[in-house]
Amino acid sequence: MIIKKLHEAGVRSDHAYTAAVASIGLSFLSWTASMKAESAGTDRADRWGIFVGEWAPTFFGLGLALAQYEKG
């Protein structure tokens, strides 16, 4: 149902895969920015990196589901 609605809205598997790869890069950038801009140290930077990094598997999963939907 959700995959069908996403597909009808114009979201394709390639879009989800691109978002996944972008979130990996954004995870690294957020970690780096937190290390340089905040005085909270490595712990907070790690939390930012992990928070953003958790998006990638979700986008990859959506990409796989959309790819299956597009085939059938």
N, C-alpha and C. Protein backbone atom coordinates (compact mmCIF):
# COMPACT_ATOMS: atom_id res chain seq x y z
N MET A 1 0.82 -1.19 0.00
CA MET A 1 0.00 0.00 0.00
C MET A 1 0.88 1.26 0.00
N ILE A 2 1.84 1.34 0.93
CA ILE A 2 2.71 2.50 0.99
C ILE A 2 3.58 2.58 -0.27
N ILE A 3 4.08 1.43 -0.69
CA ILE A 3 4.94 1.40 -1.88
C ILE A 3 4.14 1.83 -3.10
N LYS A 4 2.90 1.37 -3.20
CA LYS A 4 2.05 1.76 -4.32
C LYS A 4 1.82 3.27 -4.31
N LYS A 5 1.54 3.84 -3.15
CA LYS A 5 1.31 5.29 -3.04
C LYS A 5 2.57 6.08 -3.40
N LEU A 6 3.73 5.60 -2.93
CA LEU A 6 4.99 6.26 -3.29
C LEU A 6 5.21 6.23 -4.80
N HIS A 7 4.95 5.08 -5.40
CA HIS A 7 5.13 4.93 -6.84
C HIS A 7 4.17 5.85 -7.59
N GLU A 8 2.94 5.92 -7.14
CA GLU A 8 1.96 6.80 -7.78
C GLU A 8 2.35 8.27 -7.63
N ALA A 9 3.07 8.59 -6.55
CA ALA A 9 3.52 9.96 -6.32
C ALA A 9 4.77 10.30 -7.14
N GLY A 10 5.30 9.31 -7.86
CA GLY A 10 6.45 9.56 -8.73
C GLY A 10 7.79 9.15 -8.14
N VAL A 11 7.79 8.53 -6.97
CA VAL A 11 9.04 8.07 -6.36
C VAL A 11 9.42 6.74 -7.00
N ARG A 12 10.63 6.66 -7.48
CA ARG A 12 11.13 5.43 -8.12
C ARG A 12 12.28 4.86 -7.30
N SER A 13 12.63 3.61 -7.59
CA SER A 13 13.68 2.94 -6.84
C SER A 13 15.00 3.71 -6.94
N ASP A 14 15.28 4.28 -8.11
CA ASP A 14 16.51 5.06 -8.27
C ASP A 14 16.55 6.24 -7.31
N HIS A 15 15.41 6.86 -7.08
CA HIS A 15 15.35 7.98 -6.14
C HIS A 15 15.71 7.53 -4.73
N ALA A 16 15.17 6.38 -4.33
CA ALA A 16 15.45 5.86 -2.99
C ALA A 16 16.92 5.48 -2.84
N TYR A 17 17.48 4.86 -3.86
CA TYR A 17 18.90 4.49 -3.81
C TYR A 17 19.79 5.74 -3.73
N THR A 18 19.43 6.76 -4.49
CA THR A 18 20.18 8.01 -4.44
C THR A 18 20.10 8.64 -3.06
N ALA A 19 18.91 8.62 -2.46
CA ALA A 19 18.75 9.16 -1.11
C ALA A 19 19.58 8.38 -0.10
N ALA A 20 19.69 7.07 -0.28
CA ALA A 20 20.49 6.24 0.63
C ALA A 20 21.97 6.60 0.55
N VAL A 21 22.48 6.73 -0.66
CA VAL A 21 23.89 7.08 -0.83
C VAL A 21 24.15 8.49 -0.30
N ALA A 22 23.22 9.40 -0.57
CA ALA A 22 23.36 10.77 -0.07
C ALA A 22 23.35 10.81 1.46
N SER A 23 22.54 9.97 2.08
CA SER A 23 22.48 9.98 3.54
C SER A 23 23.78 9.45 4.16
N ILE A 24 24.47 8.57 3.45
CA ILE A 24 25.77 8.10 3.93
C ILE A 24 26.76 9.26 3.92
N GLY A 25 26.77 10.01 2.83
CA GLY A 25 27.65 11.19 2.76
C GLY A 25 27.26 12.25 3.78
N LEU A 26 25.96 12.45 3.96
CA LEU A 26 25.48 13.43 4.94
C LEU A 26 25.83 13.01 6.36
N SER A 27 25.85 11.72 6.61
CA SER A 27 26.25 11.21 7.91
C SER A 27 27.69 11.61 8.23
N PHE A 28 28.56 11.42 7.25
CA PHE A 28 29.96 11.79 7.44
C PHE A 28 30.10 13.30 7.62
N LEU A 29 29.37 14.07 6.81
CA LEU A 29 29.44 15.52 6.91
C LEU A 29 28.90 16.03 8.25
N SER A 30 27.82 15.44 8.73
CA SER A 30 27.26 15.88 10.02
C SER A 30 28.21 15.54 11.16
N TRP A 31 28.87 14.39 11.07
CA TRP A 31 29.85 14.03 12.09
C TRP A 31 31.01 15.03 12.09
N THR A 32 31.52 15.32 10.89
CA THR A 32 32.64 16.26 10.76
C THR A 32 32.26 17.65 11.25
N ALA A 33 31.08 18.12 10.86
CA ALA A 33 30.63 19.45 11.27
C ALA A 33 30.46 19.53 12.78
N SER A 34 29.92 18.48 13.37
CA SER A 34 29.73 18.46 14.82
C SER A 34 31.07 18.46 15.55
N MET A 35 32.04 17.74 15.02
CA MET A 35 33.36 17.71 15.65
C MET A 35 34.00 19.10 15.64
N LYS A 36 33.82 19.83 14.54
CA LYS A 36 34.47 21.14 14.40
C LYS A 36 33.68 22.27 15.05
N ALA A 37 32.36 22.22 14.99
CA ALA A 37 31.54 23.35 15.42
C ALA A 37 31.12 23.29 16.89
N GLU A 38 31.04 22.11 17.46
CA GLU A 38 30.57 21.98 18.84
C GLU A 38 31.73 21.60 19.75
N SER A 39 31.60 22.01 20.98
CA SER A 39 32.64 21.67 21.95
C SER A 39 32.26 20.43 22.76
N ALA A 40 31.20 19.74 22.37
CA ALA A 40 30.71 18.58 23.11
C ALA A 40 31.58 17.35 22.91
N GLY A 41 32.43 17.37 21.91
CA GLY A 41 33.36 16.27 21.71
C GLY A 41 32.85 15.17 20.80
N THR A 42 33.56 14.07 20.85
CA THR A 42 33.30 12.94 19.95
C THR A 42 31.95 12.29 20.21
N ASP A 43 31.50 12.25 21.46
CA ASP A 43 30.24 11.57 21.76
C ASP A 43 29.07 12.17 20.98
N ARG A 44 28.96 13.49 21.02
CA ARG A 44 27.84 14.12 20.30
C ARG A 44 28.02 13.99 18.80
N ALA A 45 29.23 14.11 18.31
CA ALA A 45 29.48 13.95 16.88
C ALA A 45 29.08 12.54 16.43
N ASP A 46 29.43 11.56 17.24
CA ASP A 46 29.05 10.18 16.92
C ASP A 46 27.53 10.03 16.86
N ARG A 47 26.84 10.66 17.80
CA ARG A 47 25.37 10.56 17.80
C ARG A 47 24.77 11.16 16.54
N TRP A 48 25.30 12.32 16.11
CA TRP A 48 24.80 12.93 14.87
C TRP A 48 25.07 12.02 13.68
N GLY A 49 26.27 11.50 13.60
CA GLY A 49 26.62 10.62 12.49
C GLY A 49 25.77 9.37 12.45
N ILE A 50 25.53 8.77 13.60
CA ILE A 50 24.71 7.56 13.67
C ILE A 50 23.26 7.88 13.33
N PHE A 51 22.74 9.00 13.86
CA PHE A 51 21.35 9.39 13.59
C PHE A 51 21.09 9.51 12.10
N VAL A 52 21.94 10.23 11.42
CA VAL A 52 21.76 10.42 9.97
C VAL A 52 22.08 9.12 9.24
N GLY A 53 23.06 8.39 9.70
CA GLY A 53 23.44 7.13 9.06
C GLY A 53 22.37 6.06 9.11
N GLU A 54 21.47 6.17 10.07
CA GLU A 54 20.38 5.19 10.16
C GLU A 54 19.35 5.35 9.05
N TRP A 55 19.38 6.46 8.35
CA TRP A 55 18.44 6.65 7.25
C TRP A 55 18.78 5.78 6.05
N ALA A 56 20.05 5.50 5.84
CA ALA A 56 20.48 4.78 4.63
C ALA A 56 19.80 3.41 4.48
N PRO A 57 19.77 2.56 5.52
CA PRO A 57 19.12 1.26 5.33
C PRO A 57 17.63 1.37 5.01
N THR A 58 16.98 2.40 5.57
CA THR A 58 15.56 2.61 5.27
C THR A 58 15.38 2.95 3.80
N PHE A 59 16.21 3.85 3.29
CA PHE A 59 16.11 4.22 1.88
C PHE A 59 16.47 3.04 0.97
N PHE A 60 17.48 2.26 1.34
CA PHE A 60 17.81 1.08 0.54
C PHE A 60 16.64 0.09 0.54
N GLY A 61 16.01 -0.10 1.69
CA GLY A 61 14.84 -0.99 1.78
C GLY A 61 13.69 -0.49 0.91
N LEU A 62 13.42 0.79 0.95
CA LEU A 62 12.39 1.36 0.08
C LEU A 62 12.75 1.18 -1.38
N GLY A 63 14.03 1.35 -1.69
CA GLY A 63 14.48 1.15 -3.07
C GLY A 63 14.24 -0.27 -3.55
N LEU A 64 14.54 -1.23 -2.70
CA LEU A 64 14.30 -2.64 -3.07
C LEU A 64 12.82 -2.92 -3.25
N ALA A 65 12.00 -2.40 -2.34
CA ALA A 65 10.56 -2.62 -2.44
C ALA A 65 10.01 -1.96 -3.70
N LEU A 66 10.46 -0.74 -3.98
CA LEU A 66 10.00 -0.06 -5.19
C LEU A 66 10.46 -0.81 -6.46
N ALA A 67 11.68 -1.33 -6.43
CA ALA A 67 12.19 -2.08 -7.58
C ALA A 67 11.33 -3.32 -7.85
N GLN A 68 10.94 -4.00 -6.79
CA GLN A 68 10.07 -5.18 -6.93
C GLN A 68 8.71 -4.77 -7.50
N TYR A 69 8.19 -3.65 -6.99
CA TYR A 69 6.89 -3.16 -7.47
C TYR A 69 6.97 -2.76 -8.95
N GLU A 70 8.10 -2.15 -9.33
CA GLU A 70 8.27 -1.71 -10.71
C GLU A 70 8.36 -2.89 -11.68
N LYS A 71 8.87 -4.03 -11.20
CA LYS A 71 8.99 -5.22 -12.05
C LYS A 71 7.62 -5.84 -12.33
N GLY A 72 6.75 -5.78 -11.33
CA GLY A 72 5.53 -6.56 -11.44
C GLY A 72 4.31 -5.86 -11.73
